[in-house]
N, C-alpha and C. Protein backbone atom coordinates (compact mmCIF):
# COMPACT_ATOMS: atom_id res chain seq x y z
N MET A 1 5.97 27.25 -1.12
CA MET A 1 6.71 26.00 -1.52
C MET A 1 6.66 25.10 -0.34
N GLU A 2 6.34 23.77 -0.66
CA GLU A 2 6.32 22.81 0.35
C GLU A 2 7.64 22.30 0.71
N LYS A 3 7.94 22.13 1.98
CA LYS A 3 9.17 21.55 2.46
C LYS A 3 9.28 20.08 2.25
N GLU A 4 10.36 19.49 1.66
CA GLU A 4 10.48 18.14 1.37
C GLU A 4 10.58 17.35 2.70
N VAL A 5 9.85 16.28 2.86
CA VAL A 5 9.83 15.45 3.96
C VAL A 5 10.86 14.36 3.92
N GLU A 6 11.58 14.23 4.96
CA GLU A 6 12.64 13.22 5.00
C GLU A 6 12.29 12.20 6.01
N ILE A 7 12.24 10.91 5.57
CA ILE A 7 11.88 9.88 6.63
C ILE A 7 13.00 8.99 6.79
N GLN A 8 13.41 8.57 7.97
CA GLN A 8 14.44 7.63 8.22
C GLN A 8 13.93 6.63 9.13
N ILE A 9 14.32 5.33 8.96
CA ILE A 9 13.92 4.25 9.72
C ILE A 9 15.17 3.79 10.65
N PHE A 10 14.94 3.88 11.99
CA PHE A 10 15.94 3.39 12.88
C PHE A 10 15.41 2.22 13.71
N ILE A 11 16.14 1.23 13.69
CA ILE A 11 15.88 0.03 14.59
C ILE A 11 17.05 -0.24 15.42
N ASN A 12 16.77 -0.20 16.77
CA ASN A 12 17.94 -0.38 17.80
C ASN A 12 19.04 0.57 17.46
N LYS A 13 18.70 1.80 17.25
CA LYS A 13 19.64 2.91 16.97
C LYS A 13 20.45 2.78 15.78
N LYS A 14 20.09 1.95 14.88
CA LYS A 14 20.77 1.79 13.61
C LYS A 14 19.75 2.09 12.43
N GLU A 15 20.27 3.02 11.50
CA GLU A 15 19.48 3.40 10.43
C GLU A 15 19.32 2.17 9.55
N MET A 16 18.12 1.88 9.12
CA MET A 16 17.82 0.74 8.32
C MET A 16 17.50 1.17 6.93
N LEU A 17 17.75 0.27 5.95
CA LEU A 17 17.44 0.50 4.61
C LEU A 17 15.91 0.35 4.43
N TYR A 18 15.32 1.09 3.47
CA TYR A 18 13.96 0.99 3.23
C TYR A 18 13.60 -0.42 2.58
N SER A 19 12.66 -1.13 3.26
CA SER A 19 12.32 -2.39 2.71
C SER A 19 10.91 -2.63 3.33
N HIS A 20 10.11 -3.52 2.71
CA HIS A 20 8.72 -3.75 3.29
C HIS A 20 8.92 -4.32 4.70
N GLN A 21 9.90 -5.22 4.91
CA GLN A 21 10.08 -5.79 6.16
C GLN A 21 10.45 -4.75 7.25
N ASN A 22 11.41 -3.86 6.90
CA ASN A 22 11.80 -2.87 7.86
C ASN A 22 10.73 -1.88 8.19
N MET A 23 9.92 -1.52 7.17
CA MET A 23 8.74 -0.59 7.41
C MET A 23 7.74 -1.15 8.31
N ALA A 24 7.42 -2.57 7.98
CA ALA A 24 6.48 -3.19 8.83
C ALA A 24 6.98 -3.39 10.24
N ARG A 25 8.27 -3.63 10.44
CA ARG A 25 8.73 -3.72 11.83
C ARG A 25 8.66 -2.43 12.53
N ALA A 26 8.94 -1.31 11.84
CA ALA A 26 8.85 0.08 12.44
C ALA A 26 7.33 0.39 12.87
N ILE A 27 6.47 0.03 11.99
CA ILE A 27 5.03 0.28 12.24
C ILE A 27 4.61 -0.63 13.38
N ASN A 28 4.96 -1.87 13.40
CA ASN A 28 4.52 -2.79 14.40
C ASN A 28 5.09 -2.36 15.80
N THR A 29 6.28 -1.74 15.85
CA THR A 29 6.88 -1.27 17.10
C THR A 29 5.95 -0.18 17.74
N PHE A 30 5.31 0.58 16.96
CA PHE A 30 4.46 1.72 17.44
C PHE A 30 3.05 1.22 17.87
N LEU A 31 2.55 0.15 17.31
CA LEU A 31 1.25 -0.29 17.60
C LEU A 31 0.79 -0.34 19.08
N PRO A 32 1.61 -0.95 19.97
CA PRO A 32 1.20 -0.92 21.39
C PRO A 32 0.97 0.46 21.99
N TYR A 33 1.54 1.53 21.46
CA TYR A 33 1.42 2.83 22.06
C TYR A 33 0.15 3.58 21.52
N LEU A 34 -0.46 3.10 20.56
CA LEU A 34 -1.76 3.76 19.97
C LEU A 34 -2.93 3.41 20.83
N THR A 35 -3.82 4.33 20.80
CA THR A 35 -5.12 4.18 21.55
C THR A 35 -6.01 3.30 20.70
N ASN A 36 -7.07 2.92 21.33
CA ASN A 36 -8.01 2.10 20.61
C ASN A 36 -8.61 2.91 19.46
N ASP A 37 -8.86 4.14 19.65
CA ASP A 37 -9.45 5.00 18.54
C ASP A 37 -8.36 5.12 17.46
N ASP A 38 -7.12 5.23 17.72
CA ASP A 38 -6.07 5.24 16.72
C ASP A 38 -6.09 3.92 15.94
N LEU A 39 -6.14 2.80 16.66
CA LEU A 39 -6.08 1.53 16.03
C LEU A 39 -7.34 1.37 15.10
N THR A 40 -8.55 1.77 15.54
CA THR A 40 -9.73 1.72 14.76
C THR A 40 -9.61 2.50 13.52
N GLU A 41 -9.04 3.70 13.59
CA GLU A 41 -8.83 4.57 12.36
C GLU A 41 -7.84 3.94 11.44
N LEU A 42 -6.78 3.45 12.06
CA LEU A 42 -5.70 2.75 11.18
C LEU A 42 -6.31 1.57 10.54
N GLY A 43 -7.04 0.76 11.31
CA GLY A 43 -7.64 -0.35 10.66
C GLY A 43 -8.54 -0.08 9.46
N GLN A 44 -9.40 0.99 9.68
CA GLN A 44 -10.29 1.45 8.56
C GLN A 44 -9.48 1.99 7.45
N ASP A 45 -8.42 2.77 7.62
CA ASP A 45 -7.51 3.17 6.57
C ASP A 45 -6.98 2.02 5.84
N ILE A 46 -6.59 0.96 6.51
CA ILE A 46 -5.98 -0.15 5.80
C ILE A 46 -7.03 -0.86 4.97
N LEU A 47 -8.22 -1.02 5.54
CA LEU A 47 -9.30 -1.66 4.78
C LEU A 47 -9.67 -0.78 3.52
N ASP A 48 -9.77 0.52 3.70
CA ASP A 48 -10.06 1.38 2.51
C ASP A 48 -8.98 1.25 1.47
N LEU A 49 -7.80 1.28 1.95
CA LEU A 49 -6.60 1.06 0.95
C LEU A 49 -6.64 -0.26 0.24
N MET A 50 -6.97 -1.38 0.91
CA MET A 50 -7.04 -2.63 0.28
C MET A 50 -8.26 -2.78 -0.72
N ASP A 51 -9.37 -2.05 -0.31
CA ASP A 51 -10.48 -2.09 -1.16
C ASP A 51 -10.22 -1.28 -2.41
N HIS A 52 -9.49 -0.14 -2.30
CA HIS A 52 -9.11 0.66 -3.47
C HIS A 52 -8.21 -0.12 -4.45
N ARG A 53 -7.23 -0.79 -3.80
CA ARG A 53 -6.29 -1.63 -4.64
C ARG A 53 -7.04 -2.75 -5.40
N GLU A 54 -7.90 -3.49 -4.63
CA GLU A 54 -8.76 -4.50 -5.33
C GLU A 54 -9.55 -4.00 -6.50
N LYS A 55 -10.19 -2.84 -6.35
CA LYS A 55 -10.88 -2.20 -7.43
C LYS A 55 -10.04 -1.86 -8.56
N LYS A 56 -8.80 -1.31 -8.31
CA LYS A 56 -7.91 -0.92 -9.33
C LYS A 56 -7.38 -2.22 -10.12
N GLU A 57 -7.10 -3.19 -9.28
CA GLU A 57 -6.59 -4.49 -9.87
C GLU A 57 -7.76 -5.10 -10.74
N ALA A 58 -9.01 -5.07 -10.40
CA ALA A 58 -10.04 -5.60 -11.20
C ALA A 58 -10.22 -4.76 -12.44
N GLU A 59 -10.05 -3.46 -12.35
CA GLU A 59 -10.14 -2.64 -13.56
C GLU A 59 -8.99 -2.93 -14.58
N SER A 60 -7.84 -3.17 -13.86
CA SER A 60 -6.65 -3.51 -14.79
C SER A 60 -6.86 -4.87 -15.53
N VAL A 61 -7.50 -5.82 -14.85
CA VAL A 61 -7.72 -7.07 -15.52
C VAL A 61 -8.63 -6.91 -16.67
N ILE A 62 -9.68 -6.00 -16.47
CA ILE A 62 -10.57 -5.77 -17.57
C ILE A 62 -9.84 -5.08 -18.79
N GLU A 63 -9.02 -4.06 -18.45
CA GLU A 63 -8.38 -3.37 -19.39
C GLU A 63 -7.45 -4.32 -20.31
N VAL A 64 -6.63 -5.14 -19.58
CA VAL A 64 -5.77 -6.09 -20.27
C VAL A 64 -6.59 -6.95 -21.21
N ALA A 65 -7.79 -7.46 -20.70
CA ALA A 65 -8.62 -8.38 -21.58
C ALA A 65 -8.98 -7.63 -22.76
N LYS A 66 -9.38 -6.36 -22.63
CA LYS A 66 -9.80 -5.58 -23.80
C LYS A 66 -8.73 -5.42 -24.89
N HIS A 67 -7.52 -5.28 -24.43
CA HIS A 67 -6.39 -5.00 -25.30
C HIS A 67 -5.51 -6.20 -25.65
N SER A 68 -5.90 -7.40 -25.26
CA SER A 68 -5.11 -8.61 -25.50
C SER A 68 -5.52 -9.20 -26.90
N TRP A 69 -4.55 -9.86 -27.43
CA TRP A 69 -4.80 -10.55 -28.80
C TRP A 69 -5.64 -11.80 -28.54
N PRO A 70 -6.42 -12.31 -29.43
CA PRO A 70 -6.86 -11.60 -30.75
C PRO A 70 -7.82 -10.40 -30.33
N TYR A 71 -7.71 -9.32 -31.06
CA TYR A 71 -8.69 -8.27 -30.95
C TYR A 71 -10.14 -8.84 -31.33
N PRO A 72 -11.14 -8.31 -30.67
CA PRO A 72 -12.46 -8.97 -30.98
C PRO A 72 -12.82 -8.79 -32.47
N ASP A 73 -12.35 -7.76 -33.16
CA ASP A 73 -12.68 -7.60 -34.66
C ASP A 73 -11.84 -8.48 -35.46
N THR A 74 -10.87 -9.19 -34.98
CA THR A 74 -10.03 -10.11 -35.81
C THR A 74 -10.40 -11.60 -35.55
N LYS A 75 -11.24 -11.87 -34.74
CA LYS A 75 -11.69 -13.27 -34.47
C LYS A 75 -12.51 -13.79 -35.61
N THR A 76 -12.28 -15.03 -35.96
CA THR A 76 -13.13 -15.61 -37.09
C THR A 76 -14.03 -16.67 -36.55
């Protein structure tokens, strides 16, 4: 059985609520301590994630168009 992971965000010794802004601030705080190799890998991971999201969004647009009214067989 896998142990549940607990993540907490602390900024200036205060626990912060989860939000995009707080997560970005926490990540940005660590960036100066990463090596160039770490930054290169992180950059590639970000680009891969963005590419994946763009592909999924394009697929979603096609699916919505397929299932939107009027259906192709009801057009006159």
